[in-house]
Protein backbone atom coordinates (compact mmCIF):
# COMPACT_ATOMS: atom_id res chain seq x y z
CA UNK A 1 85.86 85.78 121.16
CA UNK A 2 86.51 88.61 118.98
CA UNK A 3 83.54 90.93 119.24
CA UNK A 4 82.49 92.55 115.80
CA UNK A 5 80.37 95.25 114.82
CA UNK A 6 78.88 94.85 111.04
CA UNK A 7 77.75 98.16 109.38
CA UNK A 8 76.51 97.96 105.68
CA UNK A 9 73.35 98.95 104.19
CA UNK A 10 72.92 95.84 102.40
CA UNK A 11 71.53 93.35 104.43
CA UNK A 12 72.69 90.36 102.16
CA UNK A 13 76.26 91.70 102.83
CA UNK A 14 75.66 91.58 106.58
CA UNK A 15 74.22 88.15 106.55
CA UNK A 16 77.15 86.62 104.41
CA UNK A 17 79.64 88.36 106.65
CA UNK A 18 78.16 87.07 109.66
CA UNK A 19 77.96 83.43 108.32
CA UNK A 20 81.55 83.70 107.50
CA UNK A 21 82.68 85.06 110.84
CA UNK A 22 80.67 82.67 112.71
CA UNK A 23 81.95 79.80 110.58
CA UNK A 24 85.49 80.77 110.85
CA UNK A 25 85.45 80.20 114.91
CA UNK A 26 86.67 83.17 117.36
CA UNK A 27 84.38 85.62 116.45
CA UNK A 28 80.98 86.77 117.55
CA UNK A 29 78.96 89.36 116.03
CA UNK A 30 77.51 91.60 118.55
CA UNK A 31 75.64 94.14 116.59
CA UNK A 32 74.84 95.32 112.84
CA UNK A 33 73.91 98.42 111.28
CA UNK A 34 72.40 99.74 108.06
CA UNK A 35 73.72 103.12 108.29
CA UNK A 36 76.66 105.14 110.07
CA UNK A 37 74.65 106.68 112.55
CA UNK A 38 73.32 103.32 113.36
CA UNK A 39 76.74 102.07 113.59
CA UNK A 40 77.93 104.35 116.34
CA UNK A 41 74.63 104.09 118.46
CA UNK A 42 75.25 100.28 118.22
CA UNK A 43 78.72 100.31 119.07
CA UNK A 44 78.27 102.74 122.33
CA UNK A 45 76.33 99.83 123.82
CA UNK A 46 77.58 96.63 122.22
CA UNK A 47 81.44 97.52 122.91
CA UNK A 48 82.67 95.52 119.61
CA UNK A 49 86.57 95.09 119.32
CA UNK A 50 86.37 95.73 115.67
CA UNK A 51 83.96 97.26 113.41
CA UNK A 52 83.52 96.26 109.83
CA UNK A 53 82.41 99.42 108.14
CA UNK A 54 81.29 100.00 104.51
CA UNK A 55 81.99 103.07 102.88
CA UNK A 56 78.86 104.02 101.07
CA UNK A 57 76.07 103.93 103.60
CA UNK A 58 72.91 106.45 104.36
CA UNK A 59 72.50 109.04 106.67
CA UNK A 60 76.12 108.92 107.79
CA UNK A 61 78.90 107.22 105.47
CA UNK A 62 81.41 105.09 106.41
CA UNK A 63 84.15 107.62 106.71
CA UNK A 64 82.35 109.71 108.74
CA UNK A 65 81.23 106.76 111.08
CA UNK A 66 84.88 105.84 111.33
CA UNK A 67 85.65 109.26 112.85
CA UNK A 68 82.65 108.89 115.28
CA UNK A 69 83.40 105.37 116.09
CA UNK A 70 87.06 106.30 117.05
CA UNK A 71 85.94 109.31 119.17
CA UNK A 72 83.63 106.82 121.69
CA UNK A 73 84.93 106.29 125.02
CA UNK A 74 85.51 102.54 124.16
CA UNK A 75 86.26 103.01 120.40
CA UNK A 76 86.86 99.72 118.33
CA UNK A 77 89.27 99.16 116.01
CA UNK A 78 87.72 100.30 112.44
CA UNK A 79 88.13 98.08 109.39
CA UNK A 80 86.59 99.47 105.97
CA UNK A 81 85.12 97.26 103.84
CA UNK A 82 83.97 98.24 100.45
CA UNK A 83 83.53 97.39 96.80
CA UNK A 84 85.42 100.72 95.90
CA UNK A 85 89.21 100.87 95.90
CA UNK A 86 89.49 104.23 94.64
CA UNK A 87 92.63 105.93 96.05
CA UNK A 88 91.00 108.90 97.56
CA UNK A 89 88.74 106.71 99.48
CA UNK A 90 91.63 104.62 100.97
CA UNK A 91 93.40 107.68 101.87
CA UNK A 92 90.48 109.39 103.61
CA UNK A 93 89.79 106.02 105.58
CA UNK A 94 93.58 105.77 106.77
CA UNK A 95 93.62 109.63 107.75
CA UNK A 96 90.43 109.34 109.55
CA UNK A 97 91.89 106.35 111.73
CA UNK A 98 91.01 103.37 110.24
CA UNK A 99 93.49 100.40 111.03
CA UNK A 100 92.49 98.44 107.67
CA UNK A 101 90.92 98.67 104.17
CA UNK A 102 89.71 95.66 102.71
CA UNK A 103 87.75 94.58 99.26
CA UNK A 104 84.52 93.16 99.37
CA UNK A 105 85.89 90.57 96.94
CA UNK A 106 88.45 89.55 99.35
CA UNK A 107 88.01 85.83 99.97
CA UNK A 108 86.72 84.66 103.27
CA UNK A 109 89.71 83.27 104.74
CA UNK A 110 91.83 86.30 104.20
CA UNK A 111 88.82 88.19 106.01
CA UNK A 112 89.19 86.22 108.83
CA UNK A 113 92.98 86.47 109.04
CA UNK A 114 92.88 90.22 108.37
CA UNK A 115 90.36 90.79 111.51
CA UNK A 116 92.51 88.35 113.74
CA UNK A 117 95.44 90.62 112.64
CA UNK A 118 93.48 93.68 113.48
CA UNK A 119 92.30 92.24 116.79
CA UNK A 120 96.06 91.69 117.94
CA UNK A 121 96.77 95.37 117.02
CA UNK A 122 98.09 95.02 113.62
CA UNK A 123 96.82 97.17 110.74
CA UNK A 124 95.86 95.40 107.16
CA UNK A 125 95.36 96.31 103.56
CA UNK A 126 94.15 94.38 100.86
CA UNK A 127 96.75 93.42 98.43
CA UNK A 128 94.98 95.41 95.77
CA UNK A 129 94.79 98.55 98.01
CA UNK A 130 98.72 98.18 98.70
CA UNK A 131 99.23 97.79 95.37
CA UNK A 132 97.35 100.91 94.61
CA UNK A 133 98.93 102.90 97.42
CA UNK A 134 102.27 102.00 95.94
CA UNK A 135 101.43 102.89 92.38
CA UNK A 136 100.29 106.26 93.46
CA UNK A 137 103.35 106.72 95.37
CA UNK A 138 105.37 105.72 92.37
CA UNK A 139 103.57 108.24 90.27
CA UNK A 140 104.26 110.75 92.75
CA UNK A 141 107.54 110.20 93.12
CA UNK A 142 108.28 110.44 89.42
CA UNK A 143 107.04 114.05 89.66
CA UNK A 144 109.42 114.90 92.65
CA UNK A 145 113.20 115.16 92.83
CA UNK A 146 113.43 113.08 95.70
CA UNK A 147 112.00 112.75 99.45
CA UNK A 148 111.43 115.78 101.44
CA UNK A 149 113.98 117.06 103.90
CA UNK A 150 111.76 116.03 106.95
CA UNK A 151 110.99 112.40 105.47
CA UNK A 152 114.64 112.10 104.69
CA UNK A 153 115.33 112.95 108.23
CA UNK A 154 112.98 110.34 109.55
CA UNK A 155 114.51 107.65 107.35
CA UNK A 156 118.02 108.53 108.43
CA UNK A 157 117.03 107.78 112.19
CA UNK A 158 116.79 104.37 111.25
CA UNK A 159 119.43 101.74 111.35
CA UNK A 160 120.21 99.79 107.78
CA UNK A 161 118.34 96.75 109.38
CA UNK A 162 115.68 98.86 110.26
CA UNK A 163 115.27 100.38 106.99
CA UNK A 164 115.23 96.86 105.70
CA UNK A 165 112.33 96.01 107.57
CA UNK A 166 110.35 99.29 106.85
CA UNK A 167 110.94 98.52 103.24
CA UNK A 168 108.80 95.52 103.45
CA UNK A 169 106.47 96.86 105.57
CA UNK A 170 105.80 99.25 103.01
CA UNK A 171 105.11 96.18 100.46
CA UNK A 172 102.48 95.02 102.75
CA UNK A 173 104.84 92.15 104.03
CA UNK A 174 103.76 90.46 107.13
CA UNK A 175 106.12 89.48 110.28
CA UNK A 176 106.58 85.94 109.17
CA UNK A 177 107.14 86.98 105.34
CA UNK A 178 109.59 89.64 106.75
CA UNK A 179 111.16 86.88 108.93
CA UNK A 180 111.71 84.47 105.78
CA UNK A 181 113.15 87.38 103.55
CA UNK A 182 115.58 88.91 106.16
CA UNK A 183 116.39 85.42 107.66
CA UNK A 184 115.41 86.71 111.05
CA UNK A 185 113.23 85.09 113.67
CA UNK A 186 109.83 86.33 114.12
CA UNK A 187 110.28 87.34 117.59
CA UNK A 188 113.20 89.68 116.25
CA UNK A 189 111.21 91.02 113.47
CA UNK A 190 108.77 92.09 116.03
CA UNK A 191 111.12 93.94 117.89
CA UNK A 192 112.41 95.80 114.81
CA UNK A 193 108.74 96.38 113.60
CA UNK A 194 108.29 97.98 117.17
CA UNK A 195 111.63 100.20 117.03
CA UNK A 196 110.49 101.29 113.57
CA UNK A 197 107.16 102.43 114.78
CA UNK A 198 108.64 104.21 117.63
CA UNK A 199 111.38 106.25 115.81
CA UNK A 200 108.94 107.14 113.05
CA UNK A 201 106.25 108.34 115.69
CA UNK A 202 103.60 106.25 114.18
CA UNK A 203 101.04 104.07 115.87
CA UNK A 204 100.64 101.25 113.41
CA UNK A 205 102.08 99.50 110.23
CA UNK A 206 99.44 101.14 107.87
CA UNK A 207 101.17 104.72 108.95
CA UNK A 208 104.68 103.60 108.60
CA UNK A 209 103.96 102.34 105.00
CA UNK A 210 102.42 105.35 103.82
CA UNK A 211 105.04 107.46 105.48
CA UNK A 212 107.75 105.49 103.72
CA UNK A 213 105.84 105.52 100.41
CA UNK A 214 105.88 109.74 101.12
CA UNK A 215 102.04 109.51 101.17
CA UNK A 216 101.72 110.93 104.43
CA UNK A 217 104.12 113.76 106.16
CA UNK A 218 106.24 112.84 109.10
CA UNK A 219 104.46 113.68 112.13
CA UNK A 220 105.28 116.66 114.27
CA UNK A 221 107.47 116.15 117.07
């Protein structure tokens, strides 16, 4: 069972999420919280695998709670769930360590699939959020003559096929979708993804996508 903490100041939202998770199978809600500080306290004793956290909460908002949750001795993987898709919220959530960003209008089936992916070690973004980041990157690229020398050096270290895989990661494609588009087996794609993450020095697909899109600087070596 995947253990989940729900943090949202609206009881009806928490109740709806609990219903979705319990009906979906394979999940158990171990704790709920109405503010960020309470979420951290609940996580400290409940040991959730995933914390599903709203951004706008009293006492301690979801962005601050994300940092606090990840500082716990046994940190959960944090997925931000919010009604707001402002690009600044997205950037801040990811910079503070969130491994997923979902909008509250995400269909229940997609929420379940996203949380299963996160529990398996992947990172997830709602399609509208991915589109937002890509458009933001394109706007920035239009103001720039090209990728920075540091970023270009990172990309030059990838093979041609690894760059193909990275480009699809940047579009938000799953391993299965990458396999279909590149005519590869999923196990082969997983191996390519692992090599891409290792070569870029990033810990998850979201960071790799943002790096490819020029939204974050290359990691220091």
